[in-house]
Amino acid sequence: MQIDFDFFDHQLRIATSESRVRTIALQPRSVADFYRAVMNALADLGLAVTINTKPYDAVR
């Protein structure tokens, strides 16, 4: 899996090694909405991903 920010076309691109791709428009939105869009795209690609949502300082 590879995730790239494309600041020319204003999108986040998620690609798998099987050449499956999902894109997410980079537009004004809340962090929660962006997180939800990314997690939905990953799930749609069949990728089970866990992201630690705690701030770095809280992990110590």
N, C-alpha and C. Protein backbone atom coordinates (compact mmCIF):
# COMPACT_ATOMS: atom_id res chain seq x y z
N MET A 1 0.85 -1.17 0.00
CA MET A 1 0.00 0.00 0.00
C MET A 1 0.89 1.23 0.00
N GLN A 2 0.46 2.24 -0.72
CA GLN A 2 1.16 3.51 -0.75
C GLN A 2 0.12 4.62 -0.67
N ILE A 3 0.40 5.61 0.16
CA ILE A 3 -0.49 6.77 0.29
C ILE A 3 0.31 8.01 -0.10
N ASP A 4 -0.20 8.77 -1.07
CA ASP A 4 0.48 9.97 -1.55
C ASP A 4 -0.46 11.17 -1.50
N PHE A 5 0.08 12.29 -1.07
CA PHE A 5 -0.63 13.56 -1.19
C PHE A 5 -0.27 14.16 -2.55
N ASP A 6 -1.27 14.46 -3.36
CA ASP A 6 -1.08 15.11 -4.65
C ASP A 6 -1.59 16.54 -4.51
N PHE A 7 -0.66 17.46 -4.27
CA PHE A 7 -1.05 18.85 -4.05
C PHE A 7 -1.32 19.60 -5.35
N PHE A 8 -1.00 19.02 -6.48
CA PHE A 8 -1.34 19.63 -7.77
C PHE A 8 -2.81 19.39 -8.11
N ASP A 9 -3.25 18.13 -7.92
CA ASP A 9 -4.64 17.78 -8.21
C ASP A 9 -5.52 17.81 -6.96
N HIS A 10 -4.94 18.19 -5.82
CA HIS A 10 -5.68 18.35 -4.57
C HIS A 10 -6.40 17.07 -4.17
N GLN A 11 -5.62 15.99 -4.06
CA GLN A 11 -6.22 14.74 -3.64
C GLN A 11 -5.21 13.88 -2.89
N LEU A 12 -5.73 13.00 -2.07
CA LEU A 12 -4.94 11.97 -1.41
C LEU A 12 -5.18 10.71 -2.23
N ARG A 13 -4.11 10.02 -2.58
CA ARG A 13 -4.22 8.82 -3.43
C ARG A 13 -3.71 7.62 -2.65
N ILE A 14 -4.56 6.60 -2.53
CA ILE A 14 -4.20 5.36 -1.85
C ILE A 14 -4.15 4.27 -2.91
N ALA A 15 -3.01 3.60 -3.05
CA ALA A 15 -2.84 2.55 -4.05
C ALA A 15 -2.34 1.28 -3.38
N THR A 16 -2.84 0.14 -3.86
CA THR A 16 -2.40 -1.14 -3.35
C THR A 16 -1.42 -1.78 -4.34
N SER A 17 -0.77 -2.82 -3.90
CA SER A 17 0.15 -3.54 -4.79
C SER A 17 -0.60 -4.27 -5.90
N GLU A 18 -1.93 -4.41 -5.75
CA GLU A 18 -2.76 -5.03 -6.79
C GLU A 18 -3.31 -3.99 -7.76
N SER A 19 -2.79 -2.77 -7.71
CA SER A 19 -3.18 -1.66 -8.59
C SER A 19 -4.60 -1.16 -8.34
N ARG A 20 -5.13 -1.40 -7.18
CA ARG A 20 -6.42 -0.82 -6.80
C ARG A 20 -6.15 0.56 -6.20
N VAL A 21 -6.96 1.52 -6.56
CA VAL A 21 -6.71 2.91 -6.16
C VAL A 21 -7.99 3.56 -5.65
N ARG A 22 -7.86 4.35 -4.61
CA ARG A 22 -8.94 5.22 -4.14
C ARG A 22 -8.34 6.61 -3.96
N THR A 23 -9.13 7.62 -4.27
CA THR A 23 -8.68 9.00 -4.06
C THR A 23 -9.67 9.72 -3.16
N ILE A 24 -9.14 10.67 -2.43
CA ILE A 24 -9.95 11.50 -1.54
C ILE A 24 -9.61 12.95 -1.86
N ALA A 25 -10.64 13.73 -2.12
CA ALA A 25 -10.43 15.14 -2.43
C ALA A 25 -9.88 15.87 -1.21
N LEU A 26 -8.85 16.68 -1.45
CA LEU A 26 -8.32 17.54 -0.39
C LEU A 26 -9.10 18.86 -0.46
N GLN A 27 -10.01 18.99 0.45
CA GLN A 27 -10.90 20.15 0.49
C GLN A 27 -11.07 20.56 1.94
N PRO A 28 -11.57 21.75 2.19
CA PRO A 28 -11.79 22.16 3.58
C PRO A 28 -12.77 21.19 4.26
N ARG A 29 -12.34 20.64 5.39
CA ARG A 29 -13.19 19.73 6.18
C ARG A 29 -12.56 19.56 7.54
N SER A 30 -13.30 19.04 8.46
CA SER A 30 -12.76 18.81 9.80
C SER A 30 -11.79 17.62 9.77
N VAL A 31 -10.97 17.55 10.78
CA VAL A 31 -10.04 16.42 10.90
C VAL A 31 -10.84 15.13 11.01
N ALA A 32 -11.92 15.15 11.76
CA ALA A 32 -12.75 13.95 11.92
C ALA A 32 -13.31 13.48 10.58
N ASP A 33 -13.77 14.41 9.75
CA ASP A 33 -14.30 14.04 8.43
C ASP A 33 -13.20 13.48 7.54
N PHE A 34 -12.01 14.07 7.57
CA PHE A 34 -10.89 13.57 6.77
C PHE A 34 -10.50 12.17 7.23
N TYR A 35 -10.38 11.99 8.53
CA TYR A 35 -10.04 10.68 9.10
C TYR A 35 -11.06 9.64 8.66
N ARG A 36 -12.33 9.97 8.76
CA ARG A 36 -13.40 9.05 8.37
C ARG A 36 -13.30 8.70 6.88
N ALA A 37 -13.02 9.68 6.03
CA ALA A 37 -12.89 9.43 4.59
C ALA A 37 -11.70 8.51 4.30
N VAL A 38 -10.58 8.74 4.98
CA VAL A 38 -9.40 7.90 4.78
C VAL A 38 -9.68 6.48 5.25
N MET A 39 -10.25 6.34 6.43
CA MET A 39 -10.52 5.00 6.96
C MET A 39 -11.54 4.26 6.08
N ASN A 40 -12.54 4.96 5.56
CA ASN A 40 -13.52 4.34 4.66
C ASN A 40 -12.85 3.87 3.36
N ALA A 41 -11.96 4.69 2.82
CA ALA A 41 -11.25 4.31 1.59
C ALA A 41 -10.37 3.09 1.84
N LEU A 42 -9.68 3.06 2.96
CA LEU A 42 -8.84 1.91 3.29
C LEU A 42 -9.69 0.65 3.45
N ALA A 43 -10.82 0.77 4.13
CA ALA A 43 -11.71 -0.38 4.31
C ALA A 43 -12.27 -0.84 2.96
N ASP A 44 -12.60 0.10 2.10
CA ASP A 44 -13.12 -0.23 0.78
C ASP A 44 -12.09 -1.02 -0.04
N LEU A 45 -10.82 -0.76 0.22
CA LEU A 45 -9.75 -1.48 -0.46
C LEU A 45 -9.42 -2.80 0.24
N GLY A 46 -10.12 -3.09 1.33
CA GLY A 46 -9.88 -4.33 2.07
C GLY A 46 -8.64 -4.28 2.95
N LEU A 47 -8.22 -3.07 3.30
CA LEU A 47 -7.02 -2.89 4.11
C LEU A 47 -7.41 -2.61 5.56
N ALA A 48 -7.06 -3.51 6.44
CA ALA A 48 -7.32 -3.33 7.87
C ALA A 48 -6.17 -2.54 8.47
N VAL A 49 -6.43 -1.30 8.81
CA VAL A 49 -5.39 -0.40 9.31
C VAL A 49 -5.83 0.15 10.65
N THR A 50 -4.90 0.18 11.59
CA THR A 50 -5.15 0.80 12.89
C THR A 50 -4.26 2.02 13.01
N ILE A 51 -4.85 3.14 13.33
CA ILE A 51 -4.10 4.39 13.51
C ILE A 51 -4.25 4.83 14.95
N ASN A 52 -3.14 5.08 15.62
CA ASN A 52 -3.18 5.58 16.98
C ASN A 52 -3.67 7.02 16.93
N THR A 53 -4.83 7.29 17.49
CA THR A 53 -5.42 8.63 17.41
C THR A 53 -5.04 9.53 18.57
N LYS A 54 -4.21 9.02 19.50
CA LYS A 54 -3.80 9.85 20.63
C LYS A 54 -2.65 10.76 20.19
N PRO A 55 -2.66 11.99 20.69
CA PRO A 55 -1.52 12.89 20.41
C PRO A 55 -0.21 12.27 20.90
N TYR A 56 0.87 12.62 20.25
CA TYR A 56 2.19 12.05 20.58
C TYR A 56 2.51 12.20 22.06
N ASP A 57 2.27 13.37 22.63
CA ASP A 57 2.60 13.61 24.03
C ASP A 57 1.81 12.70 24.97
N ALA A 58 0.64 12.26 24.56
CA ALA A 58 -0.19 11.40 25.40
C ALA A 58 0.28 9.95 25.38
N VAL A 59 1.12 9.59 24.42
CA VAL A 59 1.57 8.20 24.27
C VAL A 59 2.70 7.87 25.23
N ARG A 60 3.45 8.85 25.60
CA ARG A 60 4.63 8.61 26.46
C ARG A 60 4.29 7.97 27.76
